[in-house]
PDB file of N, CA and C in Angstrom:
ATOM      1  N   MET A   1      44.540  85.460  66.439  1.00  0.00           N
ATOM      2  CA  MET A   1      43.857  84.585  66.550  1.00  0.00           C
ATOM      3  C   MET A   1      42.443  84.425  67.348  1.00  0.00           C
ATOM      4  N   PRO A   2      41.401  83.810  66.687  1.00  0.00           N
ATOM      5  CA  PRO A   2      40.218  84.185  67.589  1.00  0.00           C
ATOM      6  C   PRO A   2      40.159  83.413  68.765  1.00  0.00           C
ATOM      7  N   LYS A   3      39.125  83.462  69.785  1.00  0.00           N
ATOM      8  CA  LYS A   3      38.933  83.082  70.889  1.00  0.00           C
ATOM      9  C   LYS A   3      38.461  81.738  70.774  1.00  0.00           C
ATOM     10  N   LEU A   4      38.664  80.821  71.637  1.00  0.00           N
ATOM     11  CA  LEU A   4      38.266  79.316  71.660  1.00  0.00           C
ATOM     12  C   LEU A   4      37.146  79.322  72.267  1.00  0.00           C
ATOM     13  N   LYS A   5      36.229  78.368  71.537  1.00  0.00           N
ATOM     14  CA  LYS A   5      35.001  78.299  72.228  1.00  0.00           C
ATOM     15  C   LYS A   5      34.978  76.944  73.353  1.00  0.00           C
ATOM     16  N   SER A   6      34.173  77.325  74.460  1.00  0.00           N
ATOM     17  CA  SER A   6      34.081  75.944  75.492  1.00  0.00           C
ATOM     18  C   SER A   6      33.172  75.092  74.956  1.00  0.00           C
ATOM     19  N   LYS A   7      33.159  73.848  75.256  1.00  0.00           N
ATOM     20  CA  LYS A   7      32.168  72.723  75.109  1.00  0.00           C
ATOM     21  C   LYS A   7      30.993  72.963  76.226  1.00  0.00           C
ATOM     22  N   SER A   8      30.084  73.406  75.560  1.00  0.00           N
ATOM     23  CA  SER A   8      28.845  73.649  76.423  1.00  0.00           C
ATOM     24  C   SER A   8      28.443  72.477  77.231  1.00  0.00           C
ATOM     25  N   SER A   9      28.500  71.236  76.862  1.00  0.00           N
ATOM     26  CA  SER A   9      28.256  69.931  77.812  1.00  0.00           C
ATOM     27  C   SER A   9      29.196  69.832  78.698  1.00  0.00           C
ATOM     28  N   ALA A  10      30.464  70.083  78.678  1.00  0.00           N
ATOM     29  CA  ALA A  10      31.746  70.141  79.581  1.00  0.00           C
ATOM     30  C   ALA A  10      31.365  71.255  80.632  1.00  0.00           C
ATOM     31  N   LYS A  11      30.960  72.263  80.374  1.00  0.00           N
ATOM     32  CA  LYS A  11      30.566  73.346  81.105  1.00  0.00           C
ATOM     33  C   LYS A  11      29.760  72.962  82.356  1.00  0.00           C
ATOM     34  N   LYS A  12      28.554  72.206  81.801  1.00  0.00           N
ATOM     35  CA  LYS A  12      27.680  71.982  82.814  1.00  0.00           C
ATOM     36  C   LYS A  12      27.999  70.511  83.689  1.00  0.00           C
ATOM     37  N   ARG A  13      29.057  69.695  83.216  1.00  0.00           N
ATOM     38  CA  ARG A  13      29.262  68.593  83.988  1.00  0.00           C
ATOM     39  C   ARG A  13      30.632  68.423  84.950  1.00  0.00           C
ATOM     40  N   PHE A  14      31.445  69.603  84.537  1.00  0.00           N
ATOM     41  CA  PHE A  14      32.765  69.468  85.388  1.00  0.00           C
ATOM     42  C   PHE A  14      32.900  70.859  85.962  1.00  0.00           C
ATOM     43  N   SER A  15      33.851  70.741  87.145  1.00  0.00           N
ATOM     44  CA  SER A  15      34.079  72.143  87.655  1.00  0.00           C
ATOM     45  C   SER A  15      35.775  71.789  88.171  1.00  0.00           C
ATOM     46  N   PHE A  16      36.082  72.785  88.615  1.00  0.00           N
ATOM     47  CA  PHE A  16      37.701  73.019  88.865  1.00  0.00           C
ATOM     48  C   PHE A  16      37.972  73.252  90.535  1.00  0.00           C
ATOM     49  N   THR A  17      38.747  72.393  91.146  1.00  0.00           N
ATOM     50  CA  THR A  17      39.161  72.767  92.505  1.00  0.00           C
ATOM     51  C   THR A  17      39.820  73.842  92.605  1.00  0.00           C
ATOM     52  N   ALA A  18      40.238  74.386  93.804  1.00  0.00           N
ATOM     53  CA  ALA A  18      41.302  75.473  94.043  1.00  0.00           C
ATOM     54  C   ALA A  18      42.586  75.270  93.380  1.00  0.00           C
ATOM     55  N   THR A  19      42.892  73.933  93.457  1.00  0.00           N
ATOM     56  CA  THR A  19      44.387  73.615  93.047  1.00  0.00           C
ATOM     57  C   THR A  19      44.415  73.132  91.497  1.00  0.00           C
ATOM     58  N   GLY A  20      43.187  73.340  90.767  1.00  0.00           N
ATOM     59  CA  GLY A  20      43.266  73.006  89.447  1.00  0.00           C
ATOM     60  C   GLY A  20      42.804  71.635  89.006  1.00  0.00           C
ATOM     61  N   LYS A  21      42.513  70.494  90.017  1.00  0.00           N
ATOM     62  CA  LYS A  21      41.988  69.545  89.694  1.00  0.00           C
ATOM     63  C   LYS A  21      40.324  69.624  89.181  1.00  0.00           C
ATOM     64  N   VAL A  22      40.543  68.463  88.452  1.00  0.00           N
ATOM     65  CA  VAL A  22      38.911  68.431  87.621  1.00  0.00           C
ATOM     66  C   VAL A  22      38.017  67.466  88.403  1.00  0.00           C
ATOM     67  N   ARG A  23      36.859  68.179  88.669  1.00  0.00           N
ATOM     68  CA  ARG A  23      35.769  67.464  89.563  1.00  0.00           C
ATOM     69  C   ARG A  23      34.399  67.063  88.735  1.00  0.00           C
ATOM     70  N   ARG A  24      34.028  65.985  88.971  1.00  0.00           N
ATOM     71  CA  ARG A  24      32.942  65.598  88.442  1.00  0.00           C
ATOM     72  C   ARG A  24      31.875  64.862  89.099  1.00  0.00           C
ATOM     73  N   ASN A  25      30.688  64.590  88.786  1.00  0.00           N
ATOM     74  CA  ASN A  25      29.729  63.883  89.394  1.00  0.00           C
ATOM     75  C   ASN A  25      29.950  62.582  89.180  1.00  0.00           C
ATOM     76  N   LYS A  26      29.329  61.667  90.046  1.00  0.00           N
ATOM     77  CA  LYS A  26      29.244  60.327  89.907  1.00  0.00           C
ATOM     78  C   LYS A  26      28.342  59.742  89.212  1.00  0.00           C
ATOM     79  N   ALA A  27      28.432  58.723  88.357  1.00  0.00           N
ATOM     80  CA  ALA A  27      27.218  58.129  87.518  1.00  0.00           C
ATOM     81  C   ALA A  27      26.512  57.157  88.278  1.00  0.00           C
ATOM     82  N   TYR A  28      25.288  56.711  87.722  1.00  0.00           N
ATOM     83  CA  TYR A  28      24.522  55.628  88.093  1.00  0.00           C
ATOM     84  C   TYR A  28      23.838  56.031  89.505  1.00  0.00           C
ATOM     85  N   HIS A  29      23.632  57.376  89.744  1.00  0.00           N
ATOM     86  CA  HIS A  29      22.767  57.438  90.751  1.00  0.00           C
ATOM     87  C   HIS A  29      21.356  58.629  90.543  1.00  0.00           C
ATOM     88  N   ARG A  30      20.746  58.321  89.346  1.00  0.00           N
ATOM     89  CA  ARG A  30      19.606  59.128  88.891  1.00  0.00           C
ATOM     90  C   ARG A  30      18.391  58.476  88.799  1.00  0.00           C
ATOM     91  N   HIS A  31      18.235  57.040  88.610  1.00  0.00           N
ATOM     92  CA  HIS A  31      17.050  56.355  88.549  1.00  0.00           C
ATOM     93  C   HIS A  31      17.335  54.973  88.932  1.00  0.00           C
ATOM     94  N   ILE A  32      16.198  54.114  88.902  1.00  0.00           N
ATOM     95  CA  ILE A  32      16.159  52.765  89.490  1.00  0.00           C
ATOM     96  C   ILE A  32      16.890  52.537  90.835  1.00  0.00           C
ATOM     97  N   LEU A  33      16.794  53.544  91.728  1.00  0.00           N
ATOM     98  CA  LEU A  33      17.637  53.432  92.787  1.00  0.00           C
ATOM     99  C   LEU A  33      17.226  52.190  93.860  1.00  0.00           C
ATOM    100  N   THR A  34      16.039  51.743  93.686  1.00  0.00           N
ATOM    101  CA  THR A  34      15.315  50.604  94.270  1.00  0.00           C
ATOM    102  C   THR A  34      16.080  49.378  94.170  1.00  0.00           C
ATOM    103  N   ASP A  35      16.704  49.501  93.110  1.00  0.00           N
ATOM    104  CA  ASP A  35      17.170  47.921  92.875  1.00  0.00           C
ATOM    105  C   ASP A  35      18.729  47.841  93.375  1.00  0.00           C
ATOM    106  N   LYS A  36      19.263  49.065  93.861  1.00  0.00           N
ATOM    107  CA  LYS A  36      20.589  49.359  94.143  1.00  0.00           C
ATOM    108  C   LYS A  36      20.783  49.285  95.733  1.00  0.00           C
ATOM    109  N   THR A  37      21.825  48.516  96.294  1.00  0.00           N
ATOM    110  CA  THR A  37      21.883  48.633  97.516  1.00  0.00           C
ATOM    111  C   THR A  37      22.413  49.634  98.147  1.00  0.00           C
ATOM    112  N   ARG A  38      22.173  49.693  99.459  1.00  0.00           N
ATOM    113  CA  ARG A  38      22.255  50.918 100.410  1.00  0.00           C
ATOM    114  C   ARG A  38      23.899  51.519 100.211  1.00  0.00           C
ATOM    115  N   LYS A  39      24.628  50.379 100.238  1.00  0.00           N
ATOM    116  CA  LYS A  39      26.188  50.549 100.107  1.00  0.00           C
ATOM    117  C   LYS A  39      26.346  51.433  98.602  1.00  0.00           C
ATOM    118  N   VAL A  40      25.918  50.744  97.699  1.00  0.00           N
ATOM    119  CA  VAL A  40      26.180  51.556  96.106  1.00  0.00           C
ATOM    120  C   VAL A  40      25.678  52.921  96.196  1.00  0.00           C
ATOM    121  N   LYS A  41      24.509  52.884  96.655  1.00  0.00           N
ATOM    122  CA  LYS A  41      23.893  54.369  96.798  1.00  0.00           C
ATOM    123  C   LYS A  41      24.689  55.568  97.566  1.00  0.00           C
ATOM    124  N   ARG A  42      25.267  55.037  98.474  1.00  0.00           N
ATOM    125  CA  ARG A  42      26.131  55.718  99.494  1.00  0.00           C
ATOM    126  C   ARG A  42      27.351  56.052  98.849  1.00  0.00           C
ATOM    127  N   ASN A  43      28.065  55.287  98.125  1.00  0.00           N
ATOM    128  CA  ASN A  43      29.246  55.306  97.618  1.00  0.00           C
ATOM    129  C   ASN A  43      29.036  56.202  96.376  1.00  0.00           C
ATOM    130  N   GLN A  44      27.732  56.498  95.840  1.00  0.00           N
ATOM    131  CA  GLN A  44      27.666  57.401  94.577  1.00  0.00           C
ATOM    132  C   GLN A  44      27.351  58.860  94.992  1.00  0.00           C
ATOM    133  N   ARG A  45      27.293  59.070  96.243  1.00  0.00           N
ATOM    134  CA  ARG A  45      26.964  60.557  96.601  1.00  0.00           C
ATOM    135  C   ARG A  45      28.360  61.362  96.197  1.00  0.00           C
ATOM    136  N   GLY A  46      27.911  62.745  96.233  1.00  0.00           N
ATOM    137  CA  GLY A  46      29.055  63.706  95.994  1.00  0.00           C
ATOM    138  C   GLY A  46      29.795  63.695  94.821  1.00  0.00           C
ATOM    139  N   THR A  47      31.117  64.013  94.710  1.00  0.00           N
ATOM    140  CA  THR A  47      31.921  64.261  93.741  1.00  0.00           C
ATOM    141  C   THR A  47      33.240  63.451  93.839  1.00  0.00           C
ATOM    142  N   THR A  48      33.895  63.476  92.704  1.00  0.00           N
ATOM    143  CA  THR A  48      35.106  62.541  92.544  1.00  0.00           C
ATOM    144  C   THR A  48      36.261  63.612  91.732  1.00  0.00           C
ATOM    145  N   ILE A  49      37.553  63.188  91.693  1.00  0.00           N
ATOM    146  CA  ILE A  49      38.574  63.798  90.972  1.00  0.00           C
ATOM    147  C   ILE A  49      38.788  63.210  89.838  1.00  0.00           C
ATOM    148  N   LEU A  50      38.891  63.680  88.477  1.00  0.00           N
ATOM    149  CA  LEU A  50      39.191  62.898  87.387  1.00  0.00           C
ATOM    150  C   LEU A  50      40.823  62.649  87.340  1.00  0.00           C
ATOM    151  N   GLU A  51      41.089  61.330  86.809  1.00  0.00           N
ATOM    152  CA  GLU A  51      42.448  60.969  86.791  1.00  0.00           C
ATOM    153  C   GLU A  51      43.194  61.624  85.494  1.00  0.00           C
ATOM    154  N   GLY A  52      44.246  61.685  85.320  1.00  0.00           N
ATOM    155  CA  GLY A  52      45.482  62.137  84.341  1.00  0.00           C
ATOM    156  C   GLY A  52      44.845  62.593  82.894  1.00  0.00           C
ATOM    157  N   GLY A  53      44.758  61.349  81.961  1.00  0.00           N
ATOM    158  CA  GLY A  53      44.236  61.548  80.735  1.00  0.00           C
ATOM    159  C   GLY A  53      43.007  62.175  80.482  1.00  0.00           C
ATOM    160  N   ASP A  54      42.003  61.848  81.498  1.00  0.00           N
ATOM    161  CA  ASP A  54      40.404  62.305  81.251  1.00  0.00           C
ATOM    162  C   ASP A  54      40.445  63.738  81.668  1.00  0.00           C
ATOM    163  N   ALA A  55      41.213  64.165  82.732  1.00  0.00           N
ATOM    164  CA  ALA A  55      41.360  65.529  82.881  1.00  0.00           C
ATOM    165  C   ALA A  55      41.960  66.335  81.881  1.00  0.00           C
ATOM    166  N   ALA A  56      43.091  65.752  81.239  1.00  0.00           N
ATOM    167  CA  ALA A  56      43.766  66.688  80.338  1.00  0.00           C
ATOM    168  C   ALA A  56      42.298  66.901  79.034  1.00  0.00           C
ATOM    169  N   HIS A  57      41.627  65.960  78.871  1.00  0.00           N
ATOM    170  CA  HIS A  57      40.871  66.094  77.797  1.00  0.00           C
ATOM    171  C   HIS A  57      39.588  67.205  78.250  1.00  0.00           C
ATOM    172  N   VAL A  58      39.285  67.164  79.354  1.00  0.00           N
ATOM    173  CA  VAL A  58      38.273  68.249  79.932  1.00  0.00           C
ATOM    174  C   VAL A  58      38.824  69.568  79.842  1.00  0.00           C
ATOM    175  N   ARG A  59      40.366  69.897  80.170  1.00  0.00           N
ATOM    176  CA  ARG A  59      40.988  70.875  80.431  1.00  0.00           C
ATOM    177  C   ARG A  59      41.092  71.572  78.905  1.00  0.00           C
ATOM    178  N   ARG A  60      41.227  70.766  77.763  1.00  0.00           N
ATOM    179  CA  ARG A  60      41.037  71.050  76.353  1.00  0.00           C
ATOM    180  C   ARG A  60      39.694  71.713  76.094  1.00  0.00           C
ATOM    181  N   TRP A  61      38.644  70.892  76.622  1.00  0.00           N
ATOM    182  CA  TRP A  61      37.391  71.462  76.352  1.00  0.00           C
ATOM    183  C   TRP A  61      36.970  72.917  76.902  1.00  0.00           C
ATOM    184  N   LEU A  62      37.540  73.048  78.142  1.00  0.00           N
ATOM    185  CA  LEU A  62      37.280  74.278  78.844  1.00  0.00           C
ATOM    186  C   LEU A  62      38.507  75.094  78.942  1.00  0.00           C
ATOM    187  N   PRO A  63      39.063  75.916  78.015  1.00  0.00           N
ATOM    188  CA  PRO A  63      40.079  76.370  77.700  1.00  0.00           C
ATOM    189  C   PRO A  63      40.515  77.598  78.809  1.00  0.00           C
ATOM    190  N   TYR A  64      39.358  78.364  79.243  1.00  0.00           N
ATOM    191  CA  TYR A  64      39.343  79.383  80.086  1.00  0.00           C
ATOM    192  C   TYR A  64      38.830  79.305  81.445  1.00  0.00           C
ATOM    193  N   SER A  65      39.162  78.017  81.826  1.00  0.00           N
ATOM    194  CA  SER A  65      38.896  77.934  83.249  1.00  0.00           C
ATOM    195  C   SER A  65      39.981  77.593  84.153  1.00  0.00           C
TER     196      SER A  65
END
């Protein structure tokens, strides 16, 4: 059977923790930041962990990770 291809868009957007959870960046923190409150911008920093069904999709897109 041939090797599976990884989805290039997923390679750029997701990474895995040491325990195998899927990590993603938070949205809405790229532009028009002057209209957003300090609290919103602060909460958009860093990364977060994907939940169940979404994580399963990403694992399917990145078969060798």
